[in-house]
Amino acid sequence: MENLAIGQSVPSPTAAPSNLIATPGNGQVGLSCSTVLGATSYNVYYSTATRVTRGTGTKVTGTSSTSLTVTDLTNGTPYYLVVTAVSANGESVESNQVIVTPIQSAPAAPTALSAISANGQAAISWS
């Protein structure tokens, strides 16, 4: 426990980020949250188990932005994510938890489609 001099106040804890939003991508997840006044960086914690915390999640350290991308995730696997804010007063509690499942992007549409009709049938080809 830290000793404080008379008249010295205890530093205020850093507020937790709010409004965490996740967007799935191909093997990745995009995240954004509200800015926390006084925060110098943000940490992301993720897990495949619900109720992820700073103690149970995989940590993505110290981004200075409230918009970031977590990569190297497995498509089709649900991930639970939270964000914390870091300031001179320490690290905040976790934000609201979001769940998101990375997905592979749909393939591009075929091109150079051609069809040749014949008696009761058609031959179709594309690139």
N, C-alpha and C. Protein backbone atom coordinates (compact mmCIF):
# COMPACT_ATOMS: atom_id res chain seq x y z
N MET A 1 0.84 -1.17 0.00
CA MET A 1 0.00 0.00 0.00
C MET A 1 0.88 1.23 0.00
N GLU A 2 0.54 2.21 -0.79
CA GLU A 2 1.31 3.44 -0.94
C GLU A 2 0.91 4.43 0.14
N ASN A 3 1.90 5.08 0.76
CA ASN A 3 1.61 6.11 1.76
C ASN A 3 1.44 7.45 1.07
N LEU A 4 0.42 8.21 1.48
CA LEU A 4 0.16 9.53 0.90
C LEU A 4 0.43 10.60 1.94
N ALA A 5 0.99 11.71 1.49
CA ALA A 5 1.21 12.84 2.38
C ALA A 5 -0.13 13.51 2.66
N ILE A 6 -0.21 14.22 3.78
CA ILE A 6 -1.45 14.93 4.13
C ILE A 6 -1.77 15.91 3.01
N GLY A 7 -3.03 15.91 2.59
CA GLY A 7 -3.48 16.79 1.53
C GLY A 7 -3.28 16.22 0.14
N GLN A 8 -2.57 15.10 0.02
CA GLN A 8 -2.35 14.48 -1.28
C GLN A 8 -3.54 13.57 -1.58
N SER A 9 -4.04 13.63 -2.79
CA SER A 9 -5.20 12.82 -3.15
C SER A 9 -4.78 11.54 -3.85
N VAL A 10 -5.63 10.56 -3.77
CA VAL A 10 -5.41 9.29 -4.45
C VAL A 10 -5.71 9.50 -5.93
N PRO A 11 -4.83 9.05 -6.83
CA PRO A 11 -5.11 9.23 -8.27
C PRO A 11 -6.42 8.55 -8.65
N SER A 12 -7.18 9.20 -9.50
CA SER A 12 -8.44 8.62 -9.97
C SER A 12 -8.14 7.46 -10.89
N PRO A 13 -8.92 6.39 -10.78
CA PRO A 13 -8.70 5.28 -11.72
C PRO A 13 -9.07 5.70 -13.14
N THR A 14 -8.43 5.07 -14.09
CA THR A 14 -8.72 5.33 -15.48
C THR A 14 -10.09 4.74 -15.82
N ALA A 15 -10.91 5.50 -16.54
CA ALA A 15 -12.23 5.01 -16.94
C ALA A 15 -12.08 3.92 -17.99
N ALA A 16 -13.04 3.00 -18.00
CA ALA A 16 -13.05 1.94 -19.01
C ALA A 16 -13.58 2.49 -20.33
N PRO A 17 -13.07 2.02 -21.45
CA PRO A 17 -13.63 2.39 -22.75
C PRO A 17 -15.09 1.91 -22.83
N SER A 18 -15.89 2.61 -23.60
CA SER A 18 -17.29 2.22 -23.77
C SER A 18 -17.59 2.12 -25.26
N ASN A 19 -18.80 1.64 -25.54
CA ASN A 19 -19.28 1.51 -26.92
C ASN A 19 -18.36 0.69 -27.81
N LEU A 20 -17.87 -0.43 -27.29
CA LEU A 20 -17.00 -1.31 -28.09
C LEU A 20 -17.83 -1.96 -29.19
N ILE A 21 -17.34 -1.85 -30.41
CA ILE A 21 -18.00 -2.41 -31.59
C ILE A 21 -16.98 -3.27 -32.33
N ALA A 22 -17.41 -4.46 -32.76
CA ALA A 22 -16.53 -5.37 -33.49
C ALA A 22 -17.10 -5.65 -34.87
N THR A 23 -16.22 -5.74 -35.86
CA THR A 23 -16.61 -6.03 -37.24
C THR A 23 -15.79 -7.21 -37.73
N PRO A 24 -16.46 -8.30 -38.18
CA PRO A 24 -15.71 -9.47 -38.63
C PRO A 24 -15.03 -9.24 -39.97
N GLY A 25 -13.90 -9.90 -40.15
CA GLY A 25 -13.18 -9.87 -41.41
C GLY A 25 -12.63 -11.25 -41.68
N ASN A 26 -11.82 -11.38 -42.71
CA ASN A 26 -11.22 -12.65 -43.09
C ASN A 26 -10.01 -12.92 -42.20
N GLY A 27 -10.19 -13.77 -41.16
CA GLY A 27 -9.11 -14.08 -40.22
C GLY A 27 -8.77 -12.94 -39.30
N GLN A 28 -9.67 -11.98 -39.19
CA GLN A 28 -9.41 -10.82 -38.34
C GLN A 28 -10.70 -10.19 -37.85
N VAL A 29 -10.55 -9.28 -36.89
CA VAL A 29 -11.67 -8.55 -36.32
C VAL A 29 -11.27 -7.09 -36.20
N GLY A 30 -12.11 -6.18 -36.70
CA GLY A 30 -11.89 -4.76 -36.51
C GLY A 30 -12.62 -4.31 -35.26
N LEU A 31 -11.99 -3.48 -34.45
CA LEU A 31 -12.59 -2.98 -33.21
C LEU A 31 -12.55 -1.46 -33.17
N SER A 32 -13.57 -0.88 -32.55
CA SER A 32 -13.55 0.55 -32.27
C SER A 32 -14.28 0.77 -30.96
N CYS A 33 -13.88 1.82 -30.23
CA CYS A 33 -14.52 2.16 -28.96
C CYS A 33 -14.39 3.66 -28.74
N SER A 34 -15.05 4.14 -27.70
CA SER A 34 -14.99 5.56 -27.36
C SER A 34 -13.63 5.90 -26.77
N THR A 35 -13.16 7.12 -27.02
CA THR A 35 -11.92 7.61 -26.45
C THR A 35 -12.09 7.84 -24.96
N VAL A 36 -11.06 7.51 -24.19
CA VAL A 36 -11.07 7.74 -22.75
C VAL A 36 -10.14 8.92 -22.46
N LEU A 37 -10.69 9.93 -21.78
CA LEU A 37 -9.92 11.13 -21.44
C LEU A 37 -8.70 10.75 -20.61
N GLY A 38 -7.52 11.16 -21.03
CA GLY A 38 -6.28 10.89 -20.30
C GLY A 38 -5.60 9.59 -20.67
N ALA A 39 -6.24 8.76 -21.48
CA ALA A 39 -5.63 7.49 -21.87
C ALA A 39 -4.47 7.73 -22.82
N THR A 40 -3.39 7.01 -22.60
CA THR A 40 -2.23 7.10 -23.48
C THR A 40 -2.15 5.92 -24.43
N SER A 41 -2.85 4.83 -24.07
CA SER A 41 -2.91 3.67 -24.96
C SER A 41 -4.09 2.79 -24.56
N TYR A 42 -4.34 1.78 -25.38
CA TYR A 42 -5.45 0.85 -25.16
C TYR A 42 -4.93 -0.57 -25.36
N ASN A 43 -5.41 -1.49 -24.53
CA ASN A 43 -5.07 -2.91 -24.66
C ASN A 43 -6.32 -3.68 -25.04
N VAL A 44 -6.16 -4.70 -25.86
CA VAL A 44 -7.25 -5.58 -26.25
C VAL A 44 -6.97 -6.95 -25.65
N TYR A 45 -8.02 -7.58 -25.14
CA TYR A 45 -7.92 -8.95 -24.64
C TYR A 45 -8.99 -9.76 -25.36
N TYR A 46 -8.60 -10.95 -25.85
CA TYR A 46 -9.57 -11.79 -26.55
C TYR A 46 -9.41 -13.24 -26.13
N SER A 47 -10.50 -13.98 -26.30
CA SER A 47 -10.51 -15.39 -25.94
C SER A 47 -11.63 -16.08 -26.71
N THR A 48 -11.56 -17.39 -26.79
CA THR A 48 -12.66 -18.15 -27.37
C THR A 48 -13.65 -18.57 -26.29
N ALA A 49 -13.38 -18.19 -25.05
CA ALA A 49 -14.29 -18.46 -23.92
C ALA A 49 -14.94 -17.15 -23.50
N THR A 50 -16.22 -17.21 -23.13
CA THR A 50 -16.94 -16.02 -22.71
C THR A 50 -16.38 -15.47 -21.40
N ARG A 51 -16.78 -14.26 -21.10
CA ARG A 51 -16.34 -13.54 -19.90
C ARG A 51 -14.83 -13.32 -19.89
N VAL A 52 -14.30 -12.91 -21.01
CA VAL A 52 -12.86 -12.63 -21.11
C VAL A 52 -12.50 -11.45 -20.21
N THR A 53 -11.35 -11.57 -19.56
CA THR A 53 -10.84 -10.51 -18.68
C THR A 53 -9.36 -10.29 -18.97
N ARG A 54 -8.78 -9.33 -18.27
CA ARG A 54 -7.34 -9.09 -18.40
C ARG A 54 -6.56 -10.33 -17.98
N GLY A 55 -7.10 -11.10 -17.05
CA GLY A 55 -6.41 -12.28 -16.55
C GLY A 55 -6.59 -13.52 -17.40
N THR A 56 -7.65 -13.57 -18.22
CA THR A 56 -7.93 -14.79 -18.98
C THR A 56 -7.73 -14.66 -20.48
N GLY A 57 -7.63 -13.44 -20.99
CA GLY A 57 -7.55 -13.24 -22.43
C GLY A 57 -6.14 -13.12 -22.96
N THR A 58 -6.02 -13.31 -24.26
CA THR A 58 -4.76 -13.05 -24.96
C THR A 58 -4.67 -11.55 -25.16
N LYS A 59 -3.55 -10.96 -24.81
CA LYS A 59 -3.39 -9.50 -24.82
C LYS A 59 -2.75 -9.00 -26.11
N VAL A 60 -3.37 -7.98 -26.68
CA VAL A 60 -2.78 -7.21 -27.78
C VAL A 60 -2.42 -5.87 -27.15
N THR A 61 -1.14 -5.58 -27.07
CA THR A 61 -0.64 -4.48 -26.25
C THR A 61 -0.59 -3.14 -26.93
N GLY A 62 -0.95 -2.13 -26.15
CA GLY A 62 -0.61 -0.75 -26.35
C GLY A 62 -0.81 -0.08 -27.68
N THR A 63 -1.99 -0.10 -28.21
CA THR A 63 -2.26 0.72 -29.38
C THR A 63 -2.70 2.10 -28.91
N SER A 64 -2.32 3.13 -29.61
CA SER A 64 -2.72 4.49 -29.20
C SER A 64 -4.04 4.90 -29.83
N SER A 65 -4.59 4.05 -30.67
CA SER A 65 -5.83 4.37 -31.38
C SER A 65 -7.00 3.61 -30.78
N THR A 66 -8.20 4.19 -30.90
CA THR A 66 -9.41 3.51 -30.46
C THR A 66 -10.02 2.68 -31.60
N SER A 67 -9.34 2.61 -32.73
CA SER A 67 -9.73 1.74 -33.84
C SER A 67 -8.53 0.87 -34.18
N LEU A 68 -8.72 -0.44 -34.14
CA LEU A 68 -7.62 -1.33 -34.42
C LEU A 68 -8.12 -2.65 -34.98
N THR A 69 -7.21 -3.46 -35.47
CA THR A 69 -7.54 -4.76 -36.03
C THR A 69 -6.75 -5.84 -35.31
N VAL A 70 -7.45 -6.89 -34.87
CA VAL A 70 -6.81 -8.07 -34.28
C VAL A 70 -6.72 -9.11 -35.40
N THR A 71 -5.51 -9.57 -35.69
CA THR A 71 -5.28 -10.47 -36.82
C THR A 71 -4.92 -11.88 -36.34
N ASP A 72 -4.69 -12.75 -37.28
CA ASP A 72 -4.29 -14.14 -37.04
C ASP A 72 -5.36 -14.91 -36.26
N LEU A 73 -6.63 -14.64 -36.55
CA LEU A 73 -7.74 -15.36 -35.92
C LEU A 73 -8.25 -16.43 -36.88
N THR A 74 -8.99 -17.39 -36.36
CA THR A 74 -9.50 -18.50 -37.16
C THR A 74 -10.92 -18.22 -37.63
N ASN A 75 -11.14 -18.25 -38.94
CA ASN A 75 -12.48 -18.05 -39.49
C ASN A 75 -13.43 -19.09 -38.92
N GLY A 76 -14.66 -18.68 -38.61
CA GLY A 76 -15.67 -19.58 -38.11
C GLY A 76 -15.63 -19.82 -36.61
N THR A 77 -14.62 -19.28 -35.93
CA THR A 77 -14.49 -19.44 -34.48
C THR A 77 -14.97 -18.16 -33.79
N PRO A 78 -15.93 -18.26 -32.85
CA PRO A 78 -16.36 -17.07 -32.12
C PRO A 78 -15.28 -16.59 -31.15
N TYR A 79 -15.06 -15.28 -31.13
CA TYR A 79 -14.10 -14.66 -30.21
C TYR A 79 -14.82 -13.65 -29.33
N TYR A 80 -14.43 -13.60 -28.07
CA TYR A 80 -14.94 -12.64 -27.10
C TYR A 80 -13.82 -11.63 -26.86
N LEU A 81 -14.17 -10.34 -26.92
CA LEU A 81 -13.14 -9.31 -26.82
C LEU A 81 -13.56 -8.20 -25.86
N VAL A 82 -12.57 -7.63 -25.17
CA VAL A 82 -12.75 -6.44 -24.33
C VAL A 82 -11.56 -5.53 -24.57
N VAL A 83 -11.70 -4.26 -24.21
CA VAL A 83 -10.62 -3.28 -24.33
C VAL A 83 -10.46 -2.59 -22.99
N THR A 84 -9.21 -2.24 -22.66
CA THR A 84 -8.93 -1.43 -21.47
C THR A 84 -8.19 -0.17 -21.91
N ALA A 85 -8.28 0.86 -21.09
CA ALA A 85 -7.54 2.11 -21.33
C ALA A 85 -6.38 2.17 -20.33
N VAL A 86 -5.25 2.69 -20.79
CA VAL A 86 -4.08 2.82 -19.94
C VAL A 86 -3.72 4.30 -19.85
N SER A 87 -3.48 4.76 -18.62
CA SER A 87 -3.06 6.15 -18.38
C SER A 87 -1.98 6.15 -17.31
N ALA A 88 -1.55 7.33 -16.90
CA ALA A 88 -0.56 7.45 -15.83
C ALA A 88 -1.08 6.84 -14.53
N ASN A 89 -2.41 6.71 -14.41
CA ASN A 89 -3.01 6.14 -13.20
C ASN A 89 -3.13 4.63 -13.27
N GLY A 90 -2.75 4.02 -14.37
CA GLY A 90 -2.82 2.57 -14.50
C GLY A 90 -3.78 2.13 -15.59
N GLU A 91 -4.13 0.85 -15.55
CA GLU A 91 -5.01 0.26 -16.55
C GLU A 91 -6.43 0.18 -16.00
N SER A 92 -7.39 0.49 -16.84
CA SER A 92 -8.80 0.48 -16.43
C SER A 92 -9.35 -0.94 -16.31
N VAL A 93 -10.56 -1.03 -15.82
CA VAL A 93 -11.29 -2.30 -15.89
C VAL A 93 -11.68 -2.51 -17.35
N GLU A 94 -12.21 -3.67 -17.65
CA GLU A 94 -12.55 -4.02 -19.01
C GLU A 94 -13.80 -3.29 -19.51
N SER A 95 -13.84 -3.04 -20.80
CA SER A 95 -15.00 -2.47 -21.47
C SER A 95 -16.11 -3.51 -21.52
N ASN A 96 -17.22 -3.14 -22.15
CA ASN A 96 -18.24 -4.14 -22.44
C ASN A 96 -17.61 -5.22 -23.33
N GLN A 97 -18.08 -6.45 -23.18
CA GLN A 97 -17.58 -7.56 -23.99
C GLN A 97 -18.38 -7.66 -25.28
N VAL A 98 -17.68 -7.93 -26.37
CA VAL A 98 -18.35 -8.20 -27.65
C VAL A 98 -17.96 -9.60 -28.10
N ILE A 99 -18.82 -10.19 -28.89
CA ILE A 99 -18.54 -11.49 -29.49
C ILE A 99 -18.63 -11.32 -31.00
N VAL A 100 -17.66 -11.87 -31.71
CA VAL A 100 -17.63 -11.75 -33.16
C VAL A 100 -16.94 -12.98 -33.74
N THR A 101 -17.38 -13.38 -34.92
CA THR A 101 -16.82 -14.56 -35.59
C THR A 101 -16.21 -14.12 -36.91
N PRO A 102 -14.87 -14.22 -37.05
CA PRO A 102 -14.24 -13.88 -38.33
C PRO A 102 -14.78 -14.80 -39.44
N ILE A 103 -14.93 -14.23 -40.63
CA ILE A 103 -15.46 -14.98 -41.76
C ILE A 103 -14.59 -14.74 -42.99
N GLN A 104 -14.54 -15.74 -43.83
CA GLN A 104 -13.83 -15.58 -45.09
C GLN A 104 -14.71 -14.76 -46.02
N SER A 105 -14.10 -13.87 -46.73
CA SER A 105 -14.84 -13.05 -47.68
C SER A 105 -15.41 -13.93 -48.79
N ALA A 106 -16.53 -13.52 -49.33
CA ALA A 106 -17.13 -14.25 -50.45
C ALA A 106 -16.20 -14.17 -51.65
N PRO A 107 -16.16 -15.21 -52.45
CA PRO A 107 -15.31 -15.17 -53.64
C PRO A 107 -15.84 -14.14 -54.65
N ALA A 108 -14.97 -13.71 -55.50
CA ALA A 108 -15.38 -12.76 -56.55
C ALA A 108 -16.34 -13.44 -57.51
N ALA A 109 -17.19 -12.65 -58.12
CA ALA A 109 -18.14 -13.18 -59.10
C ALA A 109 -17.39 -13.64 -60.35
N PRO A 110 -17.87 -14.70 -60.99
CA PRO A 110 -17.24 -15.16 -62.24
C PRO A 110 -17.30 -14.05 -63.31
N THR A 111 -16.34 -14.08 -64.19
CA THR A 111 -16.29 -13.11 -65.29
C THR A 111 -16.29 -13.85 -66.62
N ALA A 112 -16.45 -13.11 -67.69
CA ALA A 112 -16.42 -13.64 -69.06
C ALA A 112 -17.39 -14.80 -69.24
N LEU A 113 -18.61 -14.62 -68.75
CA LEU A 113 -19.65 -15.64 -68.89
C LEU A 113 -20.11 -15.73 -70.34
N SER A 114 -20.20 -16.95 -70.85
CA SER A 114 -20.74 -17.14 -72.20
C SER A 114 -21.60 -18.39 -72.21
N ALA A 115 -22.60 -18.38 -73.07
CA ALA A 115 -23.51 -19.53 -73.19
C ALA A 115 -23.78 -19.79 -74.66
N ILE A 116 -23.84 -21.06 -75.00
CA ILE A 116 -24.18 -21.48 -76.35
C ILE A 116 -25.37 -22.43 -76.22
N SER A 117 -26.47 -22.07 -76.87
CA SER A 117 -27.66 -22.92 -76.77
C SER A 117 -27.65 -23.97 -77.88
N ALA A 118 -28.23 -25.10 -77.54
CA ALA A 118 -28.37 -26.20 -78.51
C ALA A 118 -29.75 -26.79 -78.32
N ASN A 119 -30.03 -27.87 -78.94
CA ASN A 119 -31.33 -28.51 -78.89
C ASN A 119 -31.63 -28.99 -77.47
N GLY A 120 -32.39 -28.21 -76.67
CA GLY A 120 -32.78 -28.58 -75.31
C GLY A 120 -31.68 -28.50 -74.29
N GLN A 121 -30.57 -27.85 -74.60
CA GLN A 121 -29.46 -27.74 -73.65
C GLN A 121 -28.66 -26.48 -73.90
N ALA A 122 -27.79 -26.17 -72.96
CA ALA A 122 -26.90 -25.00 -73.13
C ALA A 122 -25.53 -25.34 -72.59
N ALA A 123 -24.52 -24.83 -73.22
CA ALA A 123 -23.13 -24.97 -72.74
C ALA A 123 -22.74 -23.60 -72.18
N ILE A 124 -22.36 -23.59 -70.92
CA ILE A 124 -22.01 -22.34 -70.24
C ILE A 124 -20.54 -22.42 -69.83
N SER A 125 -19.81 -21.30 -70.00
CA SER A 125 -18.41 -21.24 -69.56
C SER A 125 -18.14 -19.87 -68.95
N TRP A 126 -17.14 -19.81 -68.09
CA TRP A 126 -16.75 -18.55 -67.43
C TRP A 126 -15.30 -18.65 -66.99
N SER A 127 -14.73 -17.52 -66.65
CA SER A 127 -13.34 -17.47 -66.15
C SER A 127 -13.34 -17.69 -64.66
